[in-house]
C-alpha atoms as a PDB file:
ATOM      1  CA  UNK A   1       0.000   0.000   0.000  1.00  0.00           C
ATOM      2  CA  UNK A   2       1.597   3.202  -1.175  1.00  0.00           C
ATOM      3  CA  UNK A   3       1.459   6.359   0.888  1.00  0.00           C
ATOM      4  CA  UNK A   4       1.772   9.789  -0.669  1.00  0.00           C
ATOM      5  CA  UNK A   5       2.646  12.838   1.402  1.00  0.00           C
ATOM      6  CA  UNK A   6       2.455  16.336  -0.028  1.00  0.00           C
ATOM      7  CA  UNK A   7       4.341  19.319   1.323  1.00  0.00           C
ATOM      8  CA  UNK A   8       5.230  22.838   0.334  1.00  0.00           C
ATOM      9  CA  UNK A   9       1.839  24.496   0.481  1.00  0.00           C
ATOM     10  CA  UNK A  10       1.231  27.753   2.274  1.00  0.00           C
ATOM     11  CA  UNK A  11       0.140  31.345   1.995  1.00  0.00           C
ATOM     12  CA  UNK A  12       1.576  33.419  -0.832  1.00  0.00           C
ATOM     13  CA  UNK A  13       0.752  36.738  -2.428  1.00  0.00           C
ATOM     14  CA  UNK A  14      -0.567  36.935  -5.947  1.00  0.00           C
ATOM     15  CA  UNK A  15       2.302  36.721  -8.403  1.00  0.00           C
ATOM     16  CA  UNK A  16       4.362  34.610  -6.050  1.00  0.00           C
ATOM     17  CA  UNK A  17       5.637  31.075  -6.367  1.00  0.00           C
ATOM     18  CA  UNK A  18       5.502  27.806  -4.489  1.00  0.00           C
ATOM     19  CA  UNK A  19       6.974  24.385  -5.056  1.00  0.00           C
ATOM     20  CA  UNK A  20       4.939  21.419  -3.935  1.00  0.00           C
ATOM     21  CA  UNK A  21       6.501  18.050  -3.264  1.00  0.00           C
ATOM     22  CA  UNK A  22       4.913  14.635  -3.166  1.00  0.00           C
ATOM     23  CA  UNK A  23       6.935  11.932  -1.449  1.00  0.00           C
ATOM     24  CA  UNK A  24       5.952   8.317  -2.038  1.00  0.00           C
ATOM     25  CA  UNK A  25       6.566   5.397   0.261  1.00  0.00           C
ATOM     26  CA  UNK A  26       7.154   2.854  -2.461  1.00  0.00           C
ATOM     27  CA  UNK A  27      10.032   0.735  -3.658  1.00  0.00           C
ATOM     28  CA  UNK A  28      10.087   2.329  -7.096  1.00  0.00           C
ATOM     29  CA  UNK A  29       8.009   5.312  -8.078  1.00  0.00           C
ATOM     30  CA  UNK A  30       9.017   4.720 -11.691  1.00  0.00           C
ATOM     31  CA  UNK A  31       6.243   2.128 -11.890  1.00  0.00           C
ATOM     32  CA  UNK A  32       3.624   4.849 -11.518  1.00  0.00           C
ATOM     33  CA  UNK A  33       2.349   7.764 -13.514  1.00  0.00           C
ATOM     34  CA  UNK A  34       1.737  10.705 -11.238  1.00  0.00           C
ATOM     35  CA  UNK A  35      -0.851  13.421 -11.241  1.00  0.00           C
ATOM     36  CA  UNK A  36      -1.675  16.608  -9.387  1.00  0.00           C
ATOM     37  CA  UNK A  37      -5.236  17.661  -8.721  1.00  0.00           C
ATOM     38  CA  UNK A  38      -6.737  20.486  -6.742  1.00  0.00           C
ATOM     39  CA  UNK A  39     -10.032  21.177  -5.054  1.00  0.00           C
ATOM     40  CA  UNK A  40     -11.298  24.543  -3.947  1.00  0.00           C
ATOM     41  CA  UNK A  41     -14.118  24.925  -1.405  1.00  0.00           C
ATOM     42  CA  UNK A  42     -17.473  24.226  -2.983  1.00  0.00           C
ATOM     43  CA  UNK A  43     -15.916  23.100  -6.246  1.00  0.00           C
ATOM     44  CA  UNK A  44     -15.200  19.754  -7.843  1.00  0.00           C
ATOM     45  CA  UNK A  45     -11.767  18.231  -7.980  1.00  0.00           C
ATOM     46  CA  UNK A  46      -9.824  19.661 -10.903  1.00  0.00           C
ATOM     47  CA  UNK A  47      -6.933  18.240 -12.914  1.00  0.00           C
ATOM     48  CA  UNK A  48      -3.756  20.303 -12.658  1.00  0.00           C
ATOM     49  CA  UNK A  49      -0.900  18.349 -14.157  1.00  0.00           C
ATOM     50  CA  UNK A  50       0.518  14.884 -14.708  1.00  0.00           C
ATOM     51  CA  UNK A  51       3.778  13.225 -15.585  1.00  0.00           C
ATOM     52  CA  UNK A  52       4.530   9.873 -17.138  1.00  0.00           C
ATOM     53  CA  UNK A  53       6.472   7.124 -15.398  1.00  0.00           C
ATOM     54  CA  UNK A  54       9.799   8.139 -16.872  1.00  0.00           C
ATOM     55  CA  UNK A  55       9.094  11.850 -16.793  1.00  0.00           C
ATOM     56  CA  UNK A  56       9.401  12.130 -20.568  1.00  0.00           C
ATOM     57  CA  UNK A  57       5.802  13.281 -20.979  1.00  0.00           C
ATOM     58  CA  UNK A  58       4.027  15.990 -19.059  1.00  0.00           C
ATOM     59  CA  UNK A  59       0.460  17.216 -19.180  1.00  0.00           C
ATOM     60  CA  UNK A  60      -1.227  20.373 -17.936  1.00  0.00           C
ATOM     61  CA  UNK A  61      -4.631  21.940 -17.644  1.00  0.00           C
ATOM     62  CA  UNK A  62      -4.833  24.777 -20.119  1.00  0.00           C
ATOM     63  CA  UNK A  63      -5.049  27.496 -17.499  1.00  0.00           C
ATOM     64  CA  UNK A  64      -1.845  26.303 -15.812  1.00  0.00           C
ATOM     65  CA  UNK A  65       0.268  25.325 -18.777  1.00  0.00           C
ATOM     66  CA  UNK A  66       2.438  28.454 -18.796  1.00  0.00           C
ATOM     67  CA  UNK A  67       2.674  28.867 -15.034  1.00  0.00           C
ATOM     68  CA  UNK A  68       3.136  25.382 -13.575  1.00  0.00           C
ATOM     69  CA  UNK A  69       5.880  22.815 -14.149  1.00  0.00           C
ATOM     70  CA  UNK A  70       5.691  19.197 -13.062  1.00  0.00           C
ATOM     71  CA  UNK A  71       8.791  17.077 -12.597  1.00  0.00           C
ATOM     72  CA  UNK A  72       9.887  13.945 -10.822  1.00  0.00           C
ATOM     73  CA  UNK A  73      12.961  12.392  -9.315  1.00  0.00           C
ATOM     74  CA  UNK A  74      12.484   8.650  -9.330  1.00  0.00           C
ATOM     75  CA  UNK A  75      15.700   8.163  -7.363  1.00  0.00           C
ATOM     76  CA  UNK A  76      14.038  10.054  -4.514  1.00  0.00           C
ATOM     77  CA  UNK A  77      10.528   8.719  -5.124  1.00  0.00           C
ATOM     78  CA  UNK A  78       9.329  12.311  -5.264  1.00  0.00           C
ATOM     79  CA  UNK A  79       7.250  14.373  -7.648  1.00  0.00           C
ATOM     80  CA  UNK A  80       7.249  18.155  -7.750  1.00  0.00           C
ATOM     81  CA  UNK A  81       4.918  20.882  -8.888  1.00  0.00           C
ATOM     82  CA  UNK A  82       6.537  24.257  -9.386  1.00  0.00           C
ATOM     83  CA  UNK A  83       3.903  26.969  -9.438  1.00  0.00           C
ATOM     84  CA  UNK A  84       4.652  30.529 -10.474  1.00  0.00           C
ATOM     85  CA  UNK A  85       2.666  33.695 -11.064  1.00  0.00           C
ATOM     86  CA  UNK A  86       0.057  32.395  -8.663  1.00  0.00           C
ATOM     87  CA  UNK A  87      -3.416  33.898  -8.712  1.00  0.00           C
ATOM     88  CA  UNK A  88      -6.121  34.017  -6.035  1.00  0.00           C
ATOM     89  CA  UNK A  89      -8.139  31.522  -8.087  1.00  0.00           C
ATOM     90  CA  UNK A  90      -5.326  28.999  -7.594  1.00  0.00           C
ATOM     91  CA  UNK A  91      -6.323  28.763  -3.931  1.00  0.00           C
ATOM     92  CA  UNK A  92      -7.182  25.133  -3.222  1.00  0.00           C
ATOM     93  CA  UNK A  93      -6.039  21.928  -1.609  1.00  0.00           C
ATOM     94  CA  UNK A  94      -3.516  20.327  -3.928  1.00  0.00           C
ATOM     95  CA  UNK A  95      -3.205  16.548  -3.934  1.00  0.00           C
ATOM     96  CA  UNK A  96      -0.906  14.178  -5.721  1.00  0.00           C
ATOM     97  CA  UNK A  97      -2.022  10.807  -7.005  1.00  0.00           C
ATOM     98  CA  UNK A  98      -0.411   7.683  -8.413  1.00  0.00           C
ATOM     99  CA  UNK A  99      -1.604   5.452 -11.232  1.00  0.00           C
ATOM    100  CA  UNK A 100      -0.246   1.999 -11.976  1.00  0.00           C
ATOM    101  CA  UNK A 101      -2.010   1.888 -15.336  1.00  0.00           C
ATOM    102  CA  UNK A 102       0.190   1.629 -18.406  1.00  0.00           C
ATOM    103  CA  UNK A 103      -1.716   4.301 -20.321  1.00  0.00           C
ATOM    104  CA  UNK A 104      -3.960   6.213 -17.941  1.00  0.00           C
ATOM    105  CA  UNK A 105      -6.243   9.031 -18.909  1.00  0.00           C
ATOM    106  CA  UNK A 106      -4.178  11.464 -16.919  1.00  0.00           C
ATOM    107  CA  UNK A 107      -6.954  13.990 -16.425  1.00  0.00           C
ATOM    108  CA  UNK A 108      -9.391  11.501 -14.901  1.00  0.00           C
ATOM    109  CA  UNK A 109      -9.222  11.019 -11.116  1.00  0.00           C
ATOM    110  CA  UNK A 110     -10.596   7.482 -11.253  1.00  0.00           C
ATOM    111  CA  UNK A 111      -7.466   6.383 -13.138  1.00  0.00           C
ATOM    112  CA  UNK A 112      -5.410   6.971 -10.000  1.00  0.00           C
ATOM    113  CA  UNK A 113      -5.345   4.389  -7.254  1.00  0.00           C
ATOM    114  CA  UNK A 114      -3.386   6.166  -4.537  1.00  0.00           C
ATOM    115  CA  UNK A 115      -3.945   9.662  -3.207  1.00  0.00           C
ATOM    116  CA  UNK A 116      -2.234  11.925  -0.743  1.00  0.00           C
ATOM    117  CA  UNK A 117      -4.032  13.947   1.909  1.00  0.00           C
ATOM    118  CA  UNK A 118      -3.305  17.211   0.160  1.00  0.00           C
ATOM    119  CA  UNK A 119      -1.611  20.471   1.016  1.00  0.00           C
ATOM    120  CA  UNK A 120      -3.335  23.829   1.243  1.00  0.00           C
ATOM    121  CA  UNK A 121      -2.298  26.597  -1.120  1.00  0.00           C
ATOM    122  CA  UNK A 122      -3.725  30.033  -0.406  1.00  0.00           C
ATOM    123  CA  UNK A 123      -3.041  32.959  -2.702  1.00  0.00           C
ATOM    124  CA  UNK A 124      -3.901  36.405  -1.387  1.00  0.00           C
ATOM    125  CA  UNK A 125      -4.734  39.316  -3.654  1.00  0.00           C
END
């Protein structure tokens, strides 16, 4: 049973940056595609970004494509989400997720088997 632990959230002013980390308790994270999702109060869970097992392919929601960068270090079993030029509408709980599927639909939460508890990101105007 894999455990995912996010860190790096916090309070930041609009225009600022944060880097989220997702540490996995697994023998080899390279067996999993990884995704980031977020959920704001009163809203549905929203796809943010994803990265393939090797890290060769990355995927982003359109509104985040130019501001967020996903990466991974399989030697450290950790995935990162670098967020820049943050906006108040980015305020949400950000969660990472792991999929063991060979070709997951990265944007679909049900494709991911393991989820972290999430980390709060608050962007003030």
